[in-house]
Amino acid sequence: MLRGEILKELSVDAHTADLTLLLTNKHKLEILIASAGYETYQFSIQNKRYIGLGSGEIALFEDN
């Protein structure tokens, strides 16, 4: 269903650290966080890797 979709916007809820990805064709992917003390998610989009931190922040690493 998401094949060929392009990420248009990425947002983090300041209170819950839940992650919302808005894609083309009005698709929305929500990642709900179950723990606030550990790395809660990790995913890659092309050469960028996103890691959800327990503090609610996102660490971003780019492959060269």
C-alpha atoms as a PDB file:
ATOM      1  CA  MET A   1       0.000   0.000   0.000  1.00  0.00           C
ATOM      2  CA  LEU A   2       2.890   2.404   0.747  1.00  0.00           C
ATOM      3  CA  ARG A   3       5.127   1.407  -2.156  1.00  0.00           C
ATOM      4  CA  GLY A   4       6.176   4.488  -4.093  1.00  0.00           C
ATOM      5  CA  GLU A   5       5.046   6.883  -1.362  1.00  0.00           C
ATOM      6  CA  ILE A   6       7.224   9.895  -0.547  1.00  0.00           C
ATOM      7  CA  LEU A   7       7.680  11.290   2.956  1.00  0.00           C
ATOM      8  CA  LYS A   8       6.361  14.854   3.027  1.00  0.00           C
ATOM      9  CA  GLU A   9       6.492  15.641   6.747  1.00  0.00           C
ATOM     10  CA  LEU A  10       7.728  14.058   9.954  1.00  0.00           C
ATOM     11  CA  SER A  11       6.562  15.268  13.363  1.00  0.00           C
ATOM     12  CA  VAL A  12       7.009  14.263  17.004  1.00  0.00           C
ATOM     13  CA  ASP A  13       4.343  14.865  19.630  1.00  0.00           C
ATOM     14  CA  ALA A  14       6.001  16.921  22.401  1.00  0.00           C
ATOM     15  CA  HIS A  15       4.020  15.203  25.188  1.00  0.00           C
ATOM     16  CA  THR A  16       4.063  11.553  24.139  1.00  0.00           C
ATOM     17  CA  ALA A  17       7.001  11.365  21.662  1.00  0.00           C
ATOM     18  CA  ASP A  18       4.664   9.593  19.223  1.00  0.00           C
ATOM     19  CA  LEU A  19       5.882   9.910  15.659  1.00  0.00           C
ATOM     20  CA  THR A  20       3.695  10.855  12.678  1.00  0.00           C
ATOM     21  CA  LEU A  21       4.843  10.484   9.074  1.00  0.00           C
ATOM     22  CA  LEU A  22       2.762  12.235   6.424  1.00  0.00           C
ATOM     23  CA  LEU A  23       3.165  10.679   2.996  1.00  0.00           C
ATOM     24  CA  THR A  24       1.961  11.510  -0.484  1.00  0.00           C
ATOM     25  CA  ASN A  25      -1.605  10.541  -1.394  1.00  0.00           C
ATOM     26  CA  LYS A  26      -2.703  11.671   2.098  1.00  0.00           C
ATOM     27  CA  HIS A  27      -1.430   8.502   3.785  1.00  0.00           C
ATOM     28  CA  LYS A  28      -0.384   8.928   7.416  1.00  0.00           C
ATOM     29  CA  LEU A  29       1.725   6.489   9.421  1.00  0.00           C
ATOM     30  CA  GLU A  30       1.666   6.879  13.206  1.00  0.00           C
ATOM     31  CA  ILE A  31       4.209   5.212  15.479  1.00  0.00           C
ATOM     32  CA  LEU A  32       2.945   5.106  19.048  1.00  0.00           C
ATOM     33  CA  ILE A  33       5.550   4.988  21.788  1.00  0.00           C
ATOM     34  CA  ALA A  34       5.151   2.435  24.590  1.00  0.00           C
ATOM     35  CA  SER A  35       8.239   3.361  26.651  1.00  0.00           C
ATOM     36  CA  ALA A  36       9.830   6.666  27.573  1.00  0.00           C
ATOM     37  CA  GLY A  37      13.098   5.259  28.907  1.00  0.00           C
ATOM     38  CA  TYR A  38      14.666   3.525  25.918  1.00  0.00           C
ATOM     39  CA  GLU A  39      15.293   3.988  22.195  1.00  0.00           C
ATOM     40  CA  THR A  40      11.780   3.516  20.959  1.00  0.00           C
ATOM     41  CA  TYR A  41      12.106   3.290  17.187  1.00  0.00           C
ATOM     42  CA  GLN A  42      14.670   3.232  14.435  1.00  0.00           C
ATOM     43  CA  PHE A  43      14.134   3.480  10.698  1.00  0.00           C
ATOM     44  CA  SER A  44      15.929   4.580   7.560  1.00  0.00           C
ATOM     45  CA  ILE A  45      14.823   6.658   4.587  1.00  0.00           C
ATOM     46  CA  GLN A  46      17.376   6.593   1.797  1.00  0.00           C
ATOM     47  CA  ASN A  47      20.697   7.602   3.406  1.00  0.00           C
ATOM     48  CA  LYS A  48      19.211   8.979   6.657  1.00  0.00           C
ATOM     49  CA  ARG A  49      18.691   6.935   9.826  1.00  0.00           C
ATOM     50  CA  TYR A  50      16.273   8.174  12.506  1.00  0.00           C
ATOM     51  CA  ILE A  51      16.466   6.873  16.088  1.00  0.00           C
ATOM     52  CA  GLY A  52      13.818   7.806  18.637  1.00  0.00           C
ATOM     53  CA  LEU A  53      15.422   8.580  21.990  1.00  0.00           C
ATOM     54  CA  GLY A  54      13.873   8.025  25.400  1.00  0.00           C
ATOM     55  CA  SER A  55      13.850  11.784  25.968  1.00  0.00           C
ATOM     56  CA  GLY A  56      11.392  12.278  23.090  1.00  0.00           C
ATOM     57  CA  GLU A  57      14.062  13.631  20.759  1.00  0.00           C
ATOM     58  CA  ILE A  58      15.185  12.133  17.443  1.00  0.00           C
ATOM     59  CA  ALA A  59      18.802  11.405  16.586  1.00  0.00           C
ATOM     60  CA  LEU A  60      19.547  11.709  12.852  1.00  0.00           C
ATOM     61  CA  PHE A  61      22.505  10.044  11.160  1.00  0.00           C
ATOM     62  CA  GLU A  62      23.361  10.482   7.485  1.00  0.00           C
ATOM     63  CA  ASP A  63      25.398   7.925   5.543  1.00  0.00           C
ATOM     64  CA  ASN A  64      27.933   9.507   3.236  1.00  0.00           C
END
